[in-house]
Amino acid sequence: MKKLIDFLEANNLIQISRISKLIITKRGKSNVEVILNLEDREKINTFLNEFSIAENDMKLVTMMAPPYDLILEDSEFNSLVVGVLPEVKSFRIPDQGTDIELEQDFLTILTKYLN
């Protein structure tokens, strides 16, 4: 089982050790709402480690726009924005050409961190 966090680092998308902030936003019809804002590195790592990539890890990009964005910022203000499609259990990473299929349900994990 491959962890999402390992995939991000192996593909040089972001250095996990430098992440200083994790933000999750939800897109509405006319606005963007911040749902979760973590600045504790330990909580960020715990959150990201909850996700593992499915054995059939890549799937074709669907035409639907991701309703959620997972934004990772590092200490040098570089950021990676990952689209989240909970309906099809996948992440859309920019410039990858495919969606990454997840084992876990995004909304279930998100709910744990909102309480």
N, C-alpha and C. Protein backbone atom coordinates (compact mmCIF):
# COMPACT_ATOMS: atom_id res chain seq x y z
N MET A 1 0.85 -1.18 0.00
CA MET A 1 0.00 0.00 0.00
C MET A 1 0.89 1.24 0.00
N LYS A 2 0.72 2.09 -0.99
CA LYS A 2 1.52 3.30 -1.14
C LYS A 2 0.77 4.48 -0.53
N LYS A 3 1.45 5.21 0.31
CA LYS A 3 0.86 6.38 0.95
C LYS A 3 0.87 7.57 -0.01
N LEU A 4 -0.17 8.39 0.07
CA LEU A 4 -0.25 9.60 -0.75
C LEU A 4 0.95 10.51 -0.48
N ILE A 5 1.32 10.63 0.77
CA ILE A 5 2.42 11.50 1.16
C ILE A 5 3.72 11.07 0.47
N ASP A 6 3.93 9.76 0.34
CA ASP A 6 5.13 9.24 -0.35
C ASP A 6 5.07 9.54 -1.84
N PHE A 7 3.87 9.43 -2.42
CA PHE A 7 3.69 9.73 -3.84
C PHE A 7 4.03 11.20 -4.13
N LEU A 8 3.56 12.11 -3.29
CA LEU A 8 3.82 13.54 -3.49
C LEU A 8 5.31 13.83 -3.45
N GLU A 9 6.00 13.21 -2.51
CA GLU A 9 7.43 13.47 -2.38
C GLU A 9 8.22 12.77 -3.50
N ALA A 10 7.87 11.54 -3.82
CA ALA A 10 8.59 10.80 -4.86
C ALA A 10 8.48 11.47 -6.23
N ASN A 11 7.38 12.16 -6.47
CA ASN A 11 7.19 12.86 -7.74
C ASN A 11 7.62 14.32 -7.68
N ASN A 12 8.37 14.65 -6.64
CA ASN A 12 8.92 16.01 -6.46
C ASN A 12 7.86 17.10 -6.53
N LEU A 13 6.68 16.80 -6.02
CA LEU A 13 5.61 17.80 -6.03
C LEU A 13 5.72 18.76 -4.85
N ILE A 14 6.18 18.25 -3.73
CA ILE A 14 6.43 19.09 -2.55
C ILE A 14 7.28 18.30 -1.57
N GLN A 15 8.11 19.01 -0.80
CA GLN A 15 8.92 18.34 0.22
C GLN A 15 8.10 18.30 1.51
N ILE A 16 7.73 17.11 1.90
CA ILE A 16 6.86 16.93 3.06
C ILE A 16 7.47 17.54 4.32
N SER A 17 8.77 17.43 4.49
CA SER A 17 9.42 17.97 5.70
C SER A 17 9.33 19.49 5.80
N ARG A 18 9.03 20.15 4.69
CA ARG A 18 8.93 21.62 4.69
C ARG A 18 7.50 22.14 4.76
N ILE A 19 6.52 21.26 4.76
CA ILE A 19 5.13 21.73 4.79
C ILE A 19 4.85 22.42 6.10
N SER A 20 4.31 23.63 6.01
CA SER A 20 4.00 24.40 7.21
C SER A 20 2.50 24.67 7.37
N LYS A 21 1.75 24.42 6.30
CA LYS A 21 0.31 24.71 6.37
C LYS A 21 -0.45 23.79 5.43
N LEU A 22 -1.62 23.33 5.89
CA LEU A 22 -2.53 22.54 5.08
C LEU A 22 -3.88 23.22 5.16
N ILE A 23 -4.45 23.56 4.02
CA ILE A 23 -5.74 24.23 3.96
C ILE A 23 -6.65 23.41 3.05
N ILE A 24 -7.87 23.23 3.48
CA ILE A 24 -8.87 22.57 2.63
C ILE A 24 -9.99 23.56 2.40
N THR A 25 -10.29 23.78 1.13
CA THR A 25 -11.37 24.69 0.76
C THR A 25 -12.46 23.93 0.01
N LYS A 26 -13.66 24.47 0.09
CA LYS A 26 -14.79 23.91 -0.67
C LYS A 26 -15.31 25.02 -1.56
N ARG A 27 -15.48 24.67 -2.83
CA ARG A 27 -15.99 25.65 -3.79
C ARG A 27 -17.51 25.65 -3.80
N GLY A 28 -18.07 26.84 -3.67
CA GLY A 28 -19.50 27.01 -3.81
C GLY A 28 -19.79 27.59 -5.17
N LYS A 29 -21.02 27.94 -5.41
CA LYS A 29 -21.39 28.52 -6.70
C LYS A 29 -20.75 29.89 -6.89
N SER A 30 -20.62 30.64 -5.81
CA SER A 30 -20.08 31.99 -5.98
C SER A 30 -18.97 32.32 -4.99
N ASN A 31 -18.54 31.33 -4.19
CA ASN A 31 -17.49 31.63 -3.22
C ASN A 31 -16.65 30.38 -2.94
N VAL A 32 -15.56 30.60 -2.22
CA VAL A 32 -14.70 29.52 -1.76
C VAL A 32 -14.65 29.62 -0.24
N GLU A 33 -14.95 28.51 0.43
CA GLU A 33 -15.02 28.48 1.88
C GLU A 33 -13.86 27.65 2.42
N VAL A 34 -13.13 28.21 3.39
CA VAL A 34 -12.06 27.46 4.05
C VAL A 34 -12.72 26.55 5.09
N ILE A 35 -12.49 25.25 4.95
CA ILE A 35 -13.10 24.29 5.86
C ILE A 35 -12.13 23.86 6.95
N LEU A 36 -10.86 23.71 6.59
CA LEU A 36 -9.86 23.24 7.54
C LEU A 36 -8.57 24.00 7.28
N ASN A 37 -7.93 24.43 8.37
CA ASN A 37 -6.67 25.16 8.27
C ASN A 37 -5.75 24.62 9.36
N LEU A 38 -4.78 23.81 8.98
CA LEU A 38 -3.84 23.23 9.95
C LEU A 38 -2.48 23.87 9.78
N GLU A 39 -1.88 24.28 10.89
CA GLU A 39 -0.52 24.83 10.85
C GLU A 39 0.42 24.04 11.75
N ASP A 40 -0.08 23.00 12.38
CA ASP A 40 0.72 22.12 13.22
C ASP A 40 1.28 21.00 12.34
N ARG A 41 2.59 20.95 12.21
CA ARG A 41 3.24 19.99 11.30
C ARG A 41 2.87 18.54 11.63
N GLU A 42 2.77 18.23 12.91
CA GLU A 42 2.42 16.86 13.30
C GLU A 42 1.00 16.50 12.85
N LYS A 43 0.06 17.42 13.02
CA LYS A 43 -1.33 17.18 12.58
C LYS A 43 -1.41 17.08 11.05
N ILE A 44 -0.62 17.89 10.36
CA ILE A 44 -0.60 17.84 8.90
C ILE A 44 -0.11 16.47 8.43
N ASN A 45 0.99 16.00 9.01
CA ASN A 45 1.51 14.68 8.64
C ASN A 45 0.53 13.57 8.97
N THR A 46 -0.13 13.68 10.12
CA THR A 46 -1.12 12.67 10.51
C THR A 46 -2.26 12.65 9.51
N PHE A 47 -2.74 13.83 9.11
CA PHE A 47 -3.84 13.92 8.14
C PHE A 47 -3.42 13.30 6.81
N LEU A 48 -2.28 13.68 6.29
CA LEU A 48 -1.83 13.18 4.99
C LEU A 48 -1.54 11.67 5.03
N ASN A 49 -1.07 11.18 6.15
CA ASN A 49 -0.78 9.75 6.28
C ASN A 49 -2.04 8.89 6.34
N GLU A 50 -3.19 9.50 6.50
CA GLU A 50 -4.45 8.75 6.50
C GLU A 50 -4.79 8.23 5.11
N PHE A 51 -4.21 8.81 4.08
CA PHE A 51 -4.57 8.47 2.71
C PHE A 51 -3.54 7.55 2.07
N SER A 52 -4.04 6.48 1.48
CA SER A 52 -3.18 5.61 0.70
C SER A 52 -3.77 5.49 -0.70
N ILE A 53 -2.89 5.24 -1.63
CA ILE A 53 -3.28 5.16 -3.03
C ILE A 53 -3.75 3.75 -3.34
N ALA A 54 -4.84 3.64 -4.08
CA ALA A 54 -5.40 2.34 -4.46
C ALA A 54 -4.41 1.59 -5.33
N GLU A 55 -4.55 0.26 -5.34
CA GLU A 55 -3.64 -0.57 -6.13
C GLU A 55 -3.65 -0.15 -7.60
N ASN A 56 -4.82 0.11 -8.13
CA ASN A 56 -4.96 0.65 -9.49
C ASN A 56 -4.93 2.17 -9.32
N ASP A 57 -3.73 2.71 -9.08
CA ASP A 57 -3.60 4.07 -8.58
C ASP A 57 -3.99 5.19 -9.54
N MET A 58 -3.92 4.98 -10.82
CA MET A 58 -4.25 6.06 -11.75
C MET A 58 -5.57 5.76 -12.45
N LYS A 59 -6.34 6.79 -12.66
CA LYS A 59 -7.57 6.65 -13.44
C LYS A 59 -7.68 7.85 -14.35
N LEU A 60 -8.46 7.73 -15.36
CA LEU A 60 -8.63 8.85 -16.29
C LEU A 60 -9.27 10.03 -15.59
N VAL A 61 -8.93 11.20 -16.04
CA VAL A 61 -9.51 12.41 -15.47
C VAL A 61 -10.98 12.51 -15.89
N THR A 62 -11.83 12.71 -14.90
CA THR A 62 -13.24 12.91 -15.19
C THR A 62 -13.47 14.35 -15.62
N MET A 63 -14.60 14.62 -16.18
CA MET A 63 -14.90 15.98 -16.62
C MET A 63 -15.37 16.88 -15.48
N MET A 64 -15.68 16.30 -14.33
CA MET A 64 -16.18 17.13 -13.23
C MET A 64 -15.04 17.91 -12.57
N ALA A 65 -15.38 19.12 -12.15
CA ALA A 65 -14.40 19.95 -11.45
C ALA A 65 -14.36 19.52 -9.99
N PRO A 66 -13.17 19.44 -9.41
CA PRO A 66 -13.08 19.06 -8.01
C PRO A 66 -13.77 20.09 -7.11
N PRO A 67 -14.69 19.63 -6.24
CA PRO A 67 -15.38 20.57 -5.35
C PRO A 67 -14.53 21.01 -4.16
N TYR A 68 -13.45 20.28 -3.87
CA TYR A 68 -12.57 20.62 -2.75
C TYR A 68 -11.15 20.80 -3.28
N ASP A 69 -10.40 21.65 -2.60
CA ASP A 69 -8.97 21.79 -2.86
C ASP A 69 -8.22 21.54 -1.57
N LEU A 70 -7.16 20.76 -1.67
CA LEU A 70 -6.24 20.54 -0.56
C LEU A 70 -4.99 21.33 -0.93
N ILE A 71 -4.67 22.33 -0.14
CA ILE A 71 -3.55 23.22 -0.44
C ILE A 71 -2.44 22.97 0.58
N LEU A 72 -1.27 22.65 0.08
CA LEU A 72 -0.11 22.44 0.94
C LEU A 72 0.87 23.57 0.69
N GLU A 73 1.25 24.26 1.76
CA GLU A 73 2.22 25.36 1.65
C GLU A 73 3.46 24.98 2.43
N ASP A 74 4.63 25.32 1.87
CA ASP A 74 5.85 25.04 2.61
C ASP A 74 6.39 26.32 3.24
N SER A 75 7.47 26.16 3.98
CA SER A 75 8.04 27.28 4.73
C SER A 75 8.59 28.40 3.83
N GLU A 76 8.76 28.11 2.54
CA GLU A 76 9.23 29.12 1.61
C GLU A 76 8.10 29.70 0.76
N PHE A 77 6.86 29.46 1.19
CA PHE A 77 5.64 29.96 0.53
C PHE A 77 5.39 29.36 -0.85
N ASN A 78 6.00 28.21 -1.14
CA ASN A 78 5.62 27.45 -2.33
C ASN A 78 4.36 26.68 -1.97
N SER A 79 3.50 26.47 -2.94
CA SER A 79 2.29 25.72 -2.63
C SER A 79 1.96 24.72 -3.72
N LEU A 80 1.23 23.70 -3.31
CA LEU A 80 0.72 22.67 -4.20
C LEU A 80 -0.78 22.60 -3.94
N VAL A 81 -1.57 22.75 -5.00
CA VAL A 81 -3.02 22.66 -4.89
C VAL A 81 -3.46 21.36 -5.53
N VAL A 82 -4.11 20.53 -4.73
CA VAL A 82 -4.59 19.23 -5.18
C VAL A 82 -6.11 19.26 -5.16
N GLY A 83 -6.73 19.00 -6.30
CA GLY A 83 -8.19 18.93 -6.35
C GLY A 83 -8.67 17.62 -5.75
N VAL A 84 -9.77 17.66 -5.00
CA VAL A 84 -10.31 16.46 -4.36
C VAL A 84 -11.70 16.19 -4.93
N LEU A 85 -11.89 14.97 -5.41
CA LEU A 85 -13.18 14.52 -5.94
C LEU A 85 -13.68 13.39 -5.05
N PRO A 86 -14.39 13.72 -3.95
CA PRO A 86 -14.81 12.67 -3.02
C PRO A 86 -15.77 11.65 -3.63
N GLU A 87 -16.55 12.07 -4.62
CA GLU A 87 -17.53 11.16 -5.22
C GLU A 87 -16.85 9.97 -5.90
N VAL A 88 -15.67 10.16 -6.43
CA VAL A 88 -14.96 9.09 -7.12
C VAL A 88 -13.67 8.70 -6.38
N LYS A 89 -13.54 9.15 -5.13
CA LYS A 89 -12.40 8.82 -4.27
C LYS A 89 -11.07 9.06 -4.98
N SER A 90 -10.86 10.29 -5.41
CA SER A 90 -9.59 10.57 -6.07
C SER A 90 -9.12 12.00 -5.85
N PHE A 91 -7.82 12.18 -6.07
CA PHE A 91 -7.17 13.48 -6.04
C PHE A 91 -6.75 13.82 -7.46
N ARG A 92 -6.84 15.08 -7.81
CA ARG A 92 -6.35 15.55 -9.09
C ARG A 92 -5.14 16.44 -8.83
N ILE A 93 -4.00 15.95 -9.25
CA ILE A 93 -2.76 16.68 -9.04
C ILE A 93 -2.41 17.38 -10.35
N PRO A 94 -2.13 18.68 -10.29
CA PRO A 94 -1.84 19.43 -11.52
C PRO A 94 -0.71 18.78 -12.33
N ASP A 95 -0.85 18.83 -13.63
CA ASP A 95 0.16 18.36 -14.58
C ASP A 95 0.46 16.87 -14.50
N GLN A 96 -0.41 16.06 -13.90
CA GLN A 96 -0.19 14.62 -13.85
C GLN A 96 -0.93 13.90 -14.98
N GLY A 97 -1.97 14.51 -15.52
CA GLY A 97 -2.70 13.91 -16.64
C GLY A 97 -3.74 12.89 -16.24
N THR A 98 -3.68 12.41 -15.00
CA THR A 98 -4.67 11.46 -14.51
C THR A 98 -5.02 11.80 -13.07
N ASP A 99 -6.11 11.24 -12.60
CA ASP A 99 -6.47 11.38 -11.19
C ASP A 99 -5.83 10.24 -10.42
N ILE A 100 -5.57 10.44 -9.15
CA ILE A 100 -4.98 9.44 -8.28
C ILE A 100 -6.11 8.84 -7.44
N GLU A 101 -6.33 7.55 -7.59
CA GLU A 101 -7.42 6.89 -6.86
C GLU A 101 -6.97 6.56 -5.44
N LEU A 102 -7.86 6.83 -4.49
CA LEU A 102 -7.56 6.62 -3.08
C LEU A 102 -8.31 5.42 -2.51
N GLU A 103 -7.74 4.83 -1.47
CA GLU A 103 -8.40 3.74 -0.76
C GLU A 103 -9.48 4.28 0.18
N GLN A 104 -9.24 5.43 0.77
CA GLN A 104 -10.09 5.97 1.82
C GLN A 104 -11.11 6.98 1.27
N ASP A 105 -12.13 7.19 2.08
CA ASP A 105 -13.13 8.19 1.76
C ASP A 105 -12.68 9.54 2.34
N PHE A 106 -12.48 10.50 1.49
CA PHE A 106 -11.97 11.82 1.88
C PHE A 106 -12.86 12.49 2.93
N LEU A 107 -14.17 12.48 2.70
CA LEU A 107 -15.08 13.19 3.61
C LEU A 107 -15.11 12.57 5.00
N THR A 108 -14.97 11.27 5.10
CA THR A 108 -14.93 10.61 6.40
C THR A 108 -13.70 11.06 7.18
N ILE A 109 -12.56 11.10 6.52
CA ILE A 109 -11.33 11.54 7.19
C ILE A 109 -11.41 13.02 7.53
N LEU A 110 -11.90 13.83 6.62
CA LEU A 110 -12.04 15.27 6.88
C LEU A 110 -12.91 15.51 8.11
N THR A 111 -14.00 14.80 8.23
CA THR A 111 -14.92 14.96 9.36
C THR A 111 -14.22 14.71 10.69
N LYS A 112 -13.31 13.75 10.74
CA LYS A 112 -12.56 13.48 11.98
C LYS A 112 -11.76 14.70 12.42
N TYR A 113 -11.25 15.45 11.48
CA TYR A 113 -10.40 16.60 11.80
C TYR A 113 -11.19 17.88 12.06
N LEU A 114 -12.45 17.88 11.69
CA LEU A 114 -13.28 19.06 11.92
C LEU A 114 -13.83 19.10 13.33
N ASN A 115 -13.83 17.98 14.01
CA ASN A 115 -14.39 17.92 15.38
C ASN A 115 -13.34 18.19 16.42
